[in-house]
């Protein structure tokens, strides 16, 4: 399996999703699309928000693959066991 190439913003979005209690939060539209293409999150097509002059945000939740990726990369760094 080839390692996933993720940008800094993608990693930050995954970390934020992993830290939230429901593992769902708003993510920038383009970041959400890139993470969804890698099957790390699922995006709710009906929920989006925008503010003047910014790209829209989409409501995203971690997928099973995304949760596993986060546990491998973020939980180890913090000394967690799950």
C-alpha atoms as a PDB file:
ATOM      1  CA  UNK A   1       0.000   0.000   0.000  1.00  0.00           C
ATOM      2  CA  UNK A   2       1.429   3.362  -0.980  1.00  0.00           C
ATOM      3  CA  UNK A   3       1.423   6.025   1.725  1.00  0.00           C
ATOM      4  CA  UNK A   4      -1.122   8.800   1.374  1.00  0.00           C
ATOM      5  CA  UNK A   5       0.241  12.195   0.456  1.00  0.00           C
ATOM      6  CA  UNK A   6      -1.558  14.799   2.513  1.00  0.00           C
ATOM      7  CA  UNK A   7      -1.001  18.532   2.653  1.00  0.00           C
ATOM      8  CA  UNK A   8      -0.614  20.440   5.896  1.00  0.00           C
ATOM      9  CA  UNK A   9      -4.229  21.659   5.683  1.00  0.00           C
ATOM     10  CA  UNK A  10      -5.500  18.131   5.137  1.00  0.00           C
ATOM     11  CA  UNK A  11      -3.646  16.891   8.215  1.00  0.00           C
ATOM     12  CA  UNK A  12      -4.932  19.827  10.267  1.00  0.00           C
ATOM     13  CA  UNK A  13      -8.511  19.103   9.181  1.00  0.00           C
ATOM     14  CA  UNK A  14      -8.141  15.400  10.034  1.00  0.00           C
ATOM     15  CA  UNK A  15      -6.665  16.225  13.428  1.00  0.00           C
ATOM     16  CA  UNK A  16      -9.517  18.633  14.182  1.00  0.00           C
ATOM     17  CA  UNK A  17     -12.100  16.022  13.156  1.00  0.00           C
ATOM     18  CA  UNK A  18     -10.355  13.370  15.238  1.00  0.00           C
ATOM     19  CA  UNK A  19     -10.312  15.605  18.332  1.00  0.00           C
ATOM     20  CA  UNK A  20     -14.018  16.536  18.226  1.00  0.00           C
ATOM     21  CA  UNK A  21     -16.385  14.364  20.213  1.00  0.00           C
ATOM     22  CA  UNK A  22     -18.644  13.425  17.294  1.00  0.00           C
ATOM     23  CA  UNK A  23     -15.718  13.444  14.830  1.00  0.00           C
ATOM     24  CA  UNK A  24     -17.637  15.876  12.604  1.00  0.00           C
ATOM     25  CA  UNK A  25     -16.908  19.522  11.843  1.00  0.00           C
ATOM     26  CA  UNK A  26     -16.803  22.135   9.089  1.00  0.00           C
ATOM     27  CA  UNK A  27     -13.999  21.701   6.543  1.00  0.00           C
ATOM     28  CA  UNK A  28     -13.059  23.914   3.602  1.00  0.00           C
ATOM     29  CA  UNK A  29     -14.741  22.728   0.410  1.00  0.00           C
ATOM     30  CA  UNK A  30     -11.540  21.930  -1.491  1.00  0.00           C
ATOM     31  CA  UNK A  31      -9.855  20.245   1.465  1.00  0.00           C
ATOM     32  CA  UNK A  32     -12.995  18.210   2.106  1.00  0.00           C
ATOM     33  CA  UNK A  33     -13.146  17.147  -1.537  1.00  0.00           C
ATOM     34  CA  UNK A  34      -9.504  16.039  -1.519  1.00  0.00           C
ATOM     35  CA  UNK A  35      -9.934  14.064   1.711  1.00  0.00           C
ATOM     36  CA  UNK A  36     -13.141  12.485   0.443  1.00  0.00           C
ATOM     37  CA  UNK A  37     -11.335  11.377  -2.734  1.00  0.00           C
ATOM     38  CA  UNK A  38      -8.827   9.612  -0.474  1.00  0.00           C
ATOM     39  CA  UNK A  39     -11.752   7.991   1.408  1.00  0.00           C
ATOM     40  CA  UNK A  40     -10.735   9.515   4.754  1.00  0.00           C
ATOM     41  CA  UNK A  41     -13.935  11.516   5.348  1.00  0.00           C
ATOM     42  CA  UNK A  42     -17.537  11.613   4.217  1.00  0.00           C
ATOM     43  CA  UNK A  43     -19.146  14.910   3.267  1.00  0.00           C
ATOM     44  CA  UNK A  44     -22.796  15.765   3.819  1.00  0.00           C
ATOM     45  CA  UNK A  45     -23.931  17.166   0.477  1.00  0.00           C
ATOM     46  CA  UNK A  46     -26.876  18.987   2.007  1.00  0.00           C
ATOM     47  CA  UNK A  47     -24.916  20.937   4.625  1.00  0.00           C
ATOM     48  CA  UNK A  48     -22.640  23.740   3.594  1.00  0.00           C
ATOM     49  CA  UNK A  49     -22.013  27.277   4.739  1.00  0.00           C
ATOM     50  CA  UNK A  50     -20.218  30.256   3.313  1.00  0.00           C
ATOM     51  CA  UNK A  51     -19.049  33.632   4.494  1.00  0.00           C
ATOM     52  CA  UNK A  52     -18.412  36.658   2.346  1.00  0.00           C
ATOM     53  CA  UNK A  53     -15.206  36.338   0.345  1.00  0.00           C
ATOM     54  CA  UNK A  54     -14.370  32.792   1.458  1.00  0.00           C
ATOM     55  CA  UNK A  55     -14.736  29.406  -0.137  1.00  0.00           C
ATOM     56  CA  UNK A  56     -17.695  27.442   1.235  1.00  0.00           C
ATOM     57  CA  UNK A  57     -17.246  24.966   4.072  1.00  0.00           C
ATOM     58  CA  UNK A  58     -18.767  21.491   4.042  1.00  0.00           C
ATOM     59  CA  UNK A  59     -19.932  19.409   6.994  1.00  0.00           C
ATOM     60  CA  UNK A  60     -17.582  16.423   7.145  1.00  0.00           C
ATOM     61  CA  UNK A  61     -17.241  13.316   9.309  1.00  0.00           C
ATOM     62  CA  UNK A  62     -14.375  10.882   9.633  1.00  0.00           C
ATOM     63  CA  UNK A  63     -14.869   7.620   7.791  1.00  0.00           C
ATOM     64  CA  UNK A  64     -13.649   4.277   9.111  1.00  0.00           C
ATOM     65  CA  UNK A  65     -10.456   4.570   7.065  1.00  0.00           C
ATOM     66  CA  UNK A  66      -9.956   8.127   8.290  1.00  0.00           C
ATOM     67  CA  UNK A  67     -10.373   7.075  11.921  1.00  0.00           C
ATOM     68  CA  UNK A  68      -7.794   4.319  11.472  1.00  0.00           C
ATOM     69  CA  UNK A  69      -5.368   6.741   9.790  1.00  0.00           C
ATOM     70  CA  UNK A  70      -5.779   9.231  12.639  1.00  0.00           C
ATOM     71  CA  UNK A  71      -5.254   6.553  15.274  1.00  0.00           C
ATOM     72  CA  UNK A  72      -2.019   5.490  13.600  1.00  0.00           C
ATOM     73  CA  UNK A  73      -0.674   9.029  13.225  1.00  0.00           C
ATOM     74  CA  UNK A  74      -2.145  11.155  16.009  1.00  0.00           C
ATOM     75  CA  UNK A  75      -2.799   8.718  18.850  1.00  0.00           C
ATOM     76  CA  UNK A  76       0.772   7.359  18.776  1.00  0.00           C
ATOM     77  CA  UNK A  77       2.202  10.859  18.914  1.00  0.00           C
ATOM     78  CA  UNK A  78       0.170  11.632  22.034  1.00  0.00           C
ATOM     79  CA  UNK A  79       0.750   8.288  23.736  1.00  0.00           C
ATOM     80  CA  UNK A  80      -2.900   7.223  23.526  1.00  0.00           C
ATOM     81  CA  UNK A  81      -4.113   3.691  23.248  1.00  0.00           C
ATOM     82  CA  UNK A  82      -7.542   2.937  21.850  1.00  0.00           C
END
